[in-house]
């Protein structure tokens, strides 16, 4: 591998390591948010509202963050600011005296993630230009998901031994500070990540192309048909498909498939291109009938496919954005895709929840229809890419 490629790979690994500790911190926190708010006298409506508002802002504000990064060119300052807000909000939950204070910190954590994600993804895309966008985002996502696996396990261990939510939140201070340390080290070692992507003469269009907007539409359709894990876990328990002890086991399987799958999927994407995304979208769509209609083993297979879909969403989808957006609009493009994706997931979750109350068949049909509807749009994007040169 050339020296520039090795330097790019080291950057991806460094960002992956800090993401490991970031996910260790906030996924550990998110695994007990509901019960913790309940101990602070928050009711179910308040818990649902806080969670929904946090997710909505966590995606919608990426539009603002992405545009600000593109206009100012200050990718590192915006990224660092977002990480500090996110990482310091989580351990501060140990000090919350009431559910309103805790709710503000929970929302602040989502806002911090919204601020740092688009500029960070742009910096990863610069490294991806050297080593392959699929490999860059896939490797990063694999390290990221390891943190998402171990963080909740540590929190579960502490609760099993001490039963103290405040202690569990206080324990996240260590990984949070490690994450922030690695953020500052990455800034010191790679002050200008854009240098990893040599910029050609200014001949590329500055506006987002039709292929990008088609891709955004497809991503939104996929998201709308993607079920939240809590609803799947609720269904599997209500139907006695699995016992409550297996709920975290199934989730761990999904996270393991997501993390390991990202490594393989990233390599496949770099080799075969957009065709891989189309094939994986078809495969991941099968999770719904397996989870909602199957027995134990069918449900486990469905959850694994759901995890595979998560890997696609977190690695292949952002990898595919880079060649669809001109360099000067890339942060805005990431903000648009993730905000649109999150909004469609939010709206789809509402529809799925309403359908689940009335008809299981209608729930499965909606999930399948939404994701299958994305296939012809993705095929159109593929044809557009093949007709036109990749954007610099």
Protein backbone atom coordinates (compact mmCIF):
# COMPACT_ATOMS: atom_id res chain seq x y z
CA UNK A 1 0.00 0.00 0.00
CA UNK A 2 1.38 3.46 -0.91
CA UNK A 3 2.36 5.83 1.90
CA UNK A 4 -0.75 7.98 1.31
CA UNK A 5 -2.92 4.88 1.59
CA UNK A 6 -1.30 3.81 4.85
CA UNK A 7 -1.78 7.29 6.28
CA UNK A 8 -5.45 7.25 5.27
CA UNK A 9 -5.94 3.81 6.82
CA UNK A 10 -4.37 4.97 10.10
CA UNK A 11 -6.77 7.93 10.12
CA UNK A 12 -9.79 5.63 9.67
CA UNK A 13 -8.57 3.35 12.49
CA UNK A 14 -8.00 6.35 14.76
CA UNK A 15 -11.52 7.67 14.11
CA UNK A 16 -12.82 4.12 14.60
CA UNK A 17 -11.13 3.83 17.99
CA UNK A 18 -12.56 7.11 19.24
CA UNK A 19 -15.96 6.01 17.88
CA UNK A 20 -15.60 2.76 19.86
CA UNK A 21 -15.37 4.76 23.08
CA UNK A 22 -18.11 7.14 21.96
CA UNK A 23 -20.52 4.27 21.33
CA UNK A 24 -19.37 2.56 24.51
CA UNK A 25 -20.48 5.72 26.34
CA UNK A 26 -23.77 6.68 24.72
CA UNK A 27 -25.09 3.23 23.78
CA UNK A 28 -24.47 2.13 27.36
CA UNK A 29 -26.51 5.15 28.41
CA UNK A 30 -29.31 4.60 25.90
CA UNK A 31 -29.78 0.99 27.01
CA UNK A 32 -31.20 2.18 30.38
CA UNK A 33 -32.71 5.58 29.55
CA UNK A 34 -36.31 4.40 29.91
CA UNK A 35 -35.95 2.72 33.33
CA UNK A 36 -33.78 5.56 34.65
CA UNK A 37 -36.34 8.21 33.70
CA UNK A 38 -38.99 6.07 35.38
CA UNK A 39 -36.99 6.11 38.64
CA UNK A 40 -37.06 9.92 38.41
CA UNK A 41 -40.88 9.80 38.25
CA UNK A 42 -41.27 10.28 34.50
CA UNK A 43 -44.36 8.66 33.02
CA UNK A 44 -44.59 6.67 29.76
CA UNK A 45 -45.74 9.69 27.77
CA UNK A 46 -42.79 11.76 28.99
CA UNK A 47 -40.34 8.92 28.26
CA UNK A 48 -41.69 8.43 24.74
CA UNK A 49 -41.68 12.19 24.08
CA UNK A 50 -38.10 12.65 25.27
CA UNK A 51 -36.89 9.72 23.17
CA UNK A 52 -38.77 10.87 20.08
CA UNK A 53 -37.64 14.48 20.41
CA UNK A 54 -34.04 13.42 20.89
CA UNK A 55 -34.06 11.23 17.78
CA UNK A 56 -35.82 13.86 15.69
CA UNK A 57 -33.32 16.59 16.65
CA UNK A 58 -30.48 14.09 16.34
CA UNK A 59 -31.25 13.74 12.64
CA UNK A 60 -32.83 17.08 11.68
CA UNK A 61 -29.96 19.21 13.04
CA UNK A 62 -27.53 17.40 10.75
CA UNK A 63 -28.88 19.63 7.98
CA UNK A 64 -27.62 22.66 9.88
CA UNK A 65 -24.32 21.05 10.86
CA UNK A 66 -23.58 19.86 7.33
CA UNK A 67 -24.32 23.21 5.75
CA UNK A 68 -22.28 25.05 8.39
CA UNK A 69 -19.30 22.77 7.75
CA UNK A 70 -19.51 23.29 3.98
CA UNK A 71 -19.78 27.07 4.25
CA UNK A 72 -17.10 27.58 6.90
CA UNK A 73 -14.73 24.74 6.06
CA UNK A 74 -14.21 24.29 9.82
CA UNK A 75 -14.70 20.53 9.90
CA UNK A 76 -12.57 19.84 12.96
CA UNK A 77 -13.93 22.62 15.22
CA UNK A 78 -17.53 21.56 14.51
CA UNK A 79 -16.71 17.88 15.01
CA UNK A 80 -14.87 18.51 18.30
CA UNK A 81 -17.68 20.75 19.57
CA UNK A 82 -20.23 18.03 18.86
CA UNK A 83 -18.19 15.33 20.57
CA UNK A 84 -17.72 17.45 23.71
CA UNK A 85 -21.45 18.13 24.00
CA UNK A 86 -22.30 14.47 23.49
CA UNK A 87 -19.66 12.91 25.70
CA UNK A 88 -20.11 15.26 28.65
CA UNK A 89 -23.91 14.98 28.61
CA UNK A 90 -23.91 11.23 29.32
CA UNK A 91 -21.98 11.00 32.63
CA UNK A 92 -23.75 14.18 33.77
CA UNK A 93 -26.94 12.08 33.93
CA UNK A 94 -25.57 10.62 37.16
CA UNK A 95 -26.12 14.05 38.75
CA UNK A 96 -29.64 14.70 37.43
CA UNK A 97 -31.99 15.56 40.30
CA UNK A 98 -35.24 15.20 38.37
CA UNK A 99 -36.50 13.74 35.12
CA UNK A 100 -36.67 17.16 33.42
CA UNK A 101 -32.93 17.68 33.92
CA UNK A 102 -32.22 14.15 32.73
CA UNK A 103 -34.43 14.74 29.70
CA UNK A 104 -32.47 17.87 28.76
CA UNK A 105 -29.19 15.92 28.97
CA UNK A 106 -30.61 13.05 26.90
CA UNK A 107 -31.66 15.47 24.17
CA UNK A 108 -28.28 17.25 24.41
CA UNK A 109 -26.51 13.94 23.74
CA UNK A 110 -28.50 13.49 20.52
CA UNK A 111 -27.82 17.11 19.51
CA UNK A 112 -24.08 16.58 20.03
CA UNK A 113 -24.17 13.58 17.72
CA UNK A 114 -26.09 15.57 15.12
CA UNK A 115 -23.45 18.32 15.20
CA UNK A 116 -20.40 16.07 14.80
CA UNK A 117 -21.59 13.45 12.33
CA UNK A 118 -21.67 15.24 8.92
CA UNK A 119 -18.20 16.87 9.18
CA UNK A 120 -16.72 13.68 10.60
CA UNK A 121 -18.15 11.64 7.73
CA UNK A 122 -16.68 14.08 5.22
CA UNK A 123 -13.25 13.61 6.77
CA UNK A 124 -13.68 9.83 6.55
CA UNK A 125 -14.67 10.21 2.91
CA UNK A 126 -11.34 11.94 2.21
CA UNK A 127 -9.54 8.87 3.57
CA UNK A 128 -11.92 6.66 1.62
CA UNK A 129 -10.76 8.25 -1.61
CA UNK A 130 -7.37 6.61 -0.95
CA UNK A 131 -8.38 3.19 0.41
CA UNK A 132 -11.95 2.77 -0.88
CA UNK A 133 -15.09 4.37 0.54
CA UNK A 134 -16.64 1.02 1.40
CA UNK A 135 -13.57 -0.13 3.32
CA UNK A 136 -13.21 3.21 5.13
CA UNK A 137 -16.81 3.36 6.33
CA UNK A 138 -17.03 -0.40 6.88
CA UNK A 139 -13.92 -0.54 9.08
CA UNK A 140 -15.06 2.50 11.01
CA UNK A 141 -18.53 1.02 11.56
CA UNK A 142 -17.09 -2.31 12.75
CA UNK A 143 -15.09 -0.55 15.49
CA UNK A 144 -18.07 1.66 16.25
CA UNK A 145 -20.39 -1.33 16.73
CA UNK A 146 -17.95 -3.05 19.06
CA UNK A 147 -18.43 -0.12 21.40
CA UNK A 148 -22.19 -0.40 20.97
CA UNK A 149 -21.91 -4.03 22.06
CA UNK A 150 -19.62 -3.66 25.09
CA UNK A 151 -21.10 -0.44 26.52
CA UNK A 152 -24.54 -1.90 27.32
CA UNK A 153 -22.90 -5.10 28.63
CA UNK A 154 -20.87 -3.10 31.17
CA UNK A 155 -23.96 -1.17 32.25
CA UNK A 156 -25.91 -4.44 32.60
CA UNK A 157 -23.11 -5.91 34.73
CA UNK A 158 -23.07 -2.90 37.05
CA UNK A 159 -26.85 -2.95 37.43
CA UNK A 160 -26.82 -6.70 38.10
CA UNK A 161 -24.25 -6.26 40.88
CA UNK A 162 -25.23 -2.92 42.41
CA UNK A 163 -28.63 -2.01 40.96
CA UNK A 164 -27.60 1.67 40.94
CA UNK A 165 -28.46 3.68 37.83
CA UNK A 166 -26.41 6.68 38.94
CA UNK A 167 -23.34 4.48 39.35
CA UNK A 168 -23.94 3.07 35.87
CA UNK A 169 -24.02 6.56 34.38
CA UNK A 170 -21.01 7.67 36.39
CA UNK A 171 -19.06 4.73 34.94
CA UNK A 172 -19.40 6.26 31.46
CA UNK A 173 -17.13 9.16 32.42
CA UNK A 174 -14.00 7.09 31.79
CA UNK A 175 -14.76 6.04 28.19
CA UNK A 176 -16.16 9.52 27.48
CA UNK A 177 -12.87 11.17 28.47
CA UNK A 178 -10.89 8.59 26.49
CA UNK A 179 -13.01 9.39 23.44
CA UNK A 180 -12.41 13.11 23.79
CA UNK A 181 -8.67 12.50 24.21
CA UNK A 182 -8.58 10.54 20.95
CA UNK A 183 -10.57 13.29 19.21
CA UNK A 184 -7.90 15.83 20.15
CA UNK A 185 -5.10 13.42 19.15
CA UNK A 186 -6.75 12.92 15.75
CA UNK A 187 -6.98 16.70 15.31
CA UNK A 188 -3.29 17.04 16.20
CA UNK A 189 -2.10 14.28 13.86
CA UNK A 190 -4.45 15.06 10.96
CA UNK A 191 -5.11 18.82 10.98
CA UNK A 192 -6.13 18.76 7.30
CA UNK A 193 -7.76 15.42 6.40
CA UNK A 194 -8.78 16.92 3.05
CA UNK A 195 -5.15 16.68 1.97
CA UNK A 196 -5.62 12.90 1.73
CA UNK A 197 -7.94 13.52 -1.21
CA UNK A 198 -6.11 15.34 -3.96
CA UNK A 199 -8.52 17.80 -5.54
CA UNK A 200 -8.55 17.87 -9.36
CA UNK A 201 -9.17 21.00 -11.39
CA UNK A 202 -12.47 22.66 -10.55
CA UNK A 203 -14.58 21.03 -13.25
CA UNK A 204 -17.16 19.21 -11.12
CA UNK A 205 -20.66 20.65 -10.67
CA UNK A 206 -21.29 22.41 -7.39
CA UNK A 207 -24.94 21.38 -7.12
CA UNK A 208 -26.26 18.04 -5.93
CA UNK A 209 -27.15 15.86 -8.90
CA UNK A 210 -30.38 14.10 -9.82
CA UNK A 211 -28.74 10.78 -8.89
CA UNK A 212 -28.17 12.09 -5.37
CA UNK A 213 -31.83 13.05 -4.92
CA UNK A 214 -32.95 9.66 -6.24
CA UNK A 215 -30.58 8.04 -3.79
CA UNK A 216 -32.01 10.11 -0.93
CA UNK A 217 -35.51 8.94 -1.93
CA UNK A 218 -34.40 5.30 -1.91
CA UNK A 219 -32.70 5.64 1.47
CA UNK A 220 -35.89 7.19 2.88
CA UNK A 221 -38.01 4.28 1.62
CA UNK A 222 -35.63 1.76 3.17
CA UNK A 223 -35.71 3.62 6.48
CA UNK A 224 -39.51 3.85 6.53
CA UNK A 225 -39.80 0.07 6.39
CA UNK A 226 -37.18 -0.58 9.05
CA UNK A 227 -38.66 -1.61 12.42
CA UNK A 228 -37.22 -0.40 15.72
CA UNK A 229 -35.77 -3.23 17.80
CA UNK A 230 -37.94 -2.46 20.89
CA UNK A 231 -41.08 -3.25 18.88
CA UNK A 232 -39.59 -6.52 17.62
CA UNK A 233 -38.55 -7.45 21.17
CA UNK A 234 -42.04 -6.59 22.42
CA UNK A 235 -43.63 -8.81 19.77
CA UNK A 236 -41.30 -11.74 20.43
CA UNK A 237 -42.03 -11.62 24.15
CA UNK A 238 -45.77 -11.09 23.78
CA UNK A 239 -46.03 -14.11 21.48
CA UNK A 240 -43.74 -16.18 23.76
CA UNK A 241 -41.35 -16.70 20.85
CA UNK A 242 -38.49 -15.90 23.20
CA UNK A 243 -38.17 -15.34 26.94
CA UNK A 244 -37.06 -11.99 28.36
CA UNK A 245 -33.56 -13.36 28.96
CA UNK A 246 -33.08 -13.77 25.22
CA UNK A 247 -34.00 -10.17 24.32
CA UNK A 248 -30.47 -8.78 24.94
CA UNK A 249 -28.97 -11.92 23.38
CA UNK A 250 -30.88 -11.34 20.15
CA UNK A 251 -29.82 -7.70 20.18
CA UNK A 252 -26.19 -8.70 20.72
CA UNK A 253 -26.46 -11.03 17.71
CA UNK A 254 -27.80 -8.14 15.62
CA UNK A 255 -24.98 -5.84 16.70
CA UNK A 256 -22.39 -8.55 16.05
CA UNK A 257 -23.74 -9.15 12.54
CA UNK A 258 -23.84 -5.40 11.94
CA UNK A 259 -20.25 -4.85 13.03
CA UNK A 260 -18.67 -7.85 11.34
CA UNK A 261 -20.88 -7.45 8.30
CA UNK A 262 -19.69 -3.88 7.84
CA UNK A 263 -16.12 -5.08 7.29
CA UNK A 264 -17.14 -7.58 4.61
CA UNK A 265 -19.78 -5.36 3.03
CA UNK A 266 -17.36 -2.45 2.74
CA UNK A 267 -14.89 -4.61 0.82
CA UNK A 268 -17.64 -5.97 -1.42
CA UNK A 269 -18.89 -2.45 -2.14
CA UNK A 270 -15.43 -1.29 -3.21
CA UNK A 271 -15.11 -4.29 -5.50
CA UNK A 272 -18.60 -4.51 -7.03
CA UNK A 273 -20.01 -1.04 -6.43
CA UNK A 274 -23.65 -0.05 -6.19
CA UNK A 275 -24.92 -3.51 -7.14
CA UNK A 276 -23.97 -4.70 -3.64
CA UNK A 277 -26.26 -2.12 -2.02
CA UNK A 278 -29.18 -3.27 -4.16
CA UNK A 279 -28.63 -6.95 -3.30
CA UNK A 280 -28.26 -6.23 0.42
CA UNK A 281 -31.42 -4.12 0.48
CA UNK A 282 -33.36 -7.08 -0.91
CA UNK A 283 -31.83 -9.49 1.62
CA UNK A 284 -32.34 -7.23 4.64
CA UNK A 285 -36.01 -6.65 3.73
CA UNK A 286 -36.75 -10.28 4.60
CA UNK A 287 -36.30 -9.59 8.33
CA UNK A 288 -39.96 -8.58 8.80
CA UNK A 289 -41.75 -11.83 7.85
CA UNK A 290 -39.14 -13.90 9.68
CA UNK A 291 -39.42 -11.89 12.91
CA UNK A 292 -43.19 -11.39 12.95
CA UNK A 293 -44.30 -14.76 11.56
CA UNK A 294 -41.54 -17.18 12.51
CA UNK A 295 -40.60 -19.27 15.53
CA UNK A 296 -37.44 -18.99 17.61
CA UNK A 297 -34.89 -19.79 14.91
CA UNK A 298 -36.71 -17.91 12.17
CA UNK A 299 -36.92 -14.87 14.46
CA UNK A 300 -33.22 -15.13 15.26
CA UNK A 301 -32.45 -15.25 11.53
CA UNK A 302 -34.71 -12.25 10.99
CA UNK A 303 -32.98 -10.27 13.75
CA UNK A 304 -29.62 -11.16 12.20
CA UNK A 305 -30.85 -9.84 8.84
CA UNK A 306 -32.07 -6.73 10.67
CA UNK A 307 -28.53 -6.35 12.02
CA UNK A 308 -27.18 -6.82 8.50
CA UNK A 309 -29.47 -3.98 7.44
CA UNK A 310 -28.05 -1.83 10.23
CA UNK A 311 -24.58 -2.52 8.88
CA UNK A 312 -25.74 -1.45 5.41
CA UNK A 313 -27.27 1.72 6.79
CA UNK A 314 -24.20 2.70 8.80
CA UNK A 315 -21.45 1.79 6.32
CA UNK A 316 -22.59 1.28 2.72
CA UNK A 317 -25.16 4.07 2.61
CA UNK A 318 -22.67 6.80 3.73
CA UNK A 319 -19.98 5.26 1.52
CA UNK A 320 -22.27 5.64 -1.49
CA UNK A 321 -22.89 9.33 -0.79
CA UNK A 322 -19.28 10.37 -1.43
CA UNK A 323 -19.24 9.75 -5.21
CA UNK A 324 -22.73 11.23 -5.60
CA UNK A 325 -21.92 14.64 -4.13
CA UNK A 326 -19.35 17.24 -5.21
CA UNK A 327 -16.62 17.77 -2.66
CA UNK A 328 -17.73 21.30 -1.80
CA UNK A 329 -21.25 20.09 -0.94
CA UNK A 330 -20.37 16.79 0.69
CA UNK A 331 -21.08 17.76 4.31
CA UNK A 332 -24.46 19.14 3.27
CA UNK A 333 -25.10 15.91 1.36
CA UNK A 334 -24.37 13.82 4.44
CA UNK A 335 -26.61 16.06 6.50
CA UNK A 336 -29.44 15.73 3.99
CA UNK A 337 -29.16 11.95 3.71
CA UNK A 338 -29.00 11.29 7.45
CA UNK A 339 -31.72 13.85 8.27
CA UNK A 340 -34.01 12.49 5.55
CA UNK A 341 -33.24 8.95 6.61
CA UNK A 342 -34.00 9.70 10.26
CA UNK A 343 -37.22 11.56 9.48
CA UNK A 344 -38.49 8.71 7.29
CA UNK A 345 -37.54 6.17 9.96
CA UNK A 346 -39.45 8.24 12.54
CA UNK A 347 -42.57 8.53 10.36
CA UNK A 348 -42.34 4.89 9.33
CA UNK A 349 -42.13 3.84 12.97
CA UNK A 350 -45.38 5.66 13.68
CA UNK A 351 -47.12 3.92 10.78
CA UNK A 352 -45.70 0.53 11.78
CA UNK A 353 -46.81 1.04 15.38
CA UNK A 354 -50.36 1.88 14.29
CA UNK A 355 -50.51 -1.06 11.88
CA UNK A 356 -49.16 -3.46 14.51
CA UNK A 357 -52.12 -2.67 16.77
CA UNK A 358 -54.58 -3.70 14.07
CA UNK A 359 -52.96 -6.25 11.74
CA UNK A 360 -49.71 -8.19 11.82
CA UNK A 361 -50.07 -8.99 8.12
CA UNK A 362 -50.41 -5.29 7.30
CA UNK A 363 -47.31 -4.54 9.38
CA UNK A 364 -45.21 -7.07 7.46
CA UNK A 365 -46.68 -5.91 4.13
CA UNK A 366 -45.79 -2.28 4.85
CA UNK A 367 -42.20 -3.13 5.85
CA UNK A 368 -41.70 -5.22 2.72
CA UNK A 369 -43.43 -2.77 0.38
CA UNK A 370 -41.45 0.26 1.58
CA UNK A 371 -38.08 -1.44 1.21
CA UNK A 372 -38.90 -3.23 -2.06
CA UNK A 373 -40.09 0.11 -3.48
CA UNK A 374 -36.54 1.39 -3.01
CA UNK A 375 -35.11 -1.21 -5.40
CA UNK A 376 -36.16 0.35 -8.74
CA UNK A 377 -34.98 3.75 -7.47
CA UNK A 378 -31.58 2.28 -6.58
CA UNK A 379 -31.42 0.65 -10.01
CA UNK A 380 -32.07 4.07 -11.57
CA UNK A 381 -29.24 5.53 -9.48
CA UNK A 382 -26.93 2.74 -10.67
CA UNK A 383 -27.78 3.47 -14.30
CA UNK A 384 -27.15 7.17 -13.74
CA UNK A 385 -23.74 6.43 -12.21
CA UNK A 386 -22.80 4.23 -15.14
CA UNK A 387 -23.80 6.91 -17.65
CA UNK A 388 -21.97 9.76 -15.91
CA UNK A 389 -18.42 9.93 -14.53
CA UNK A 390 -17.90 9.79 -10.76
CA UNK A 391 -17.79 13.23 -9.23
CA UNK A 392 -14.39 14.42 -7.94
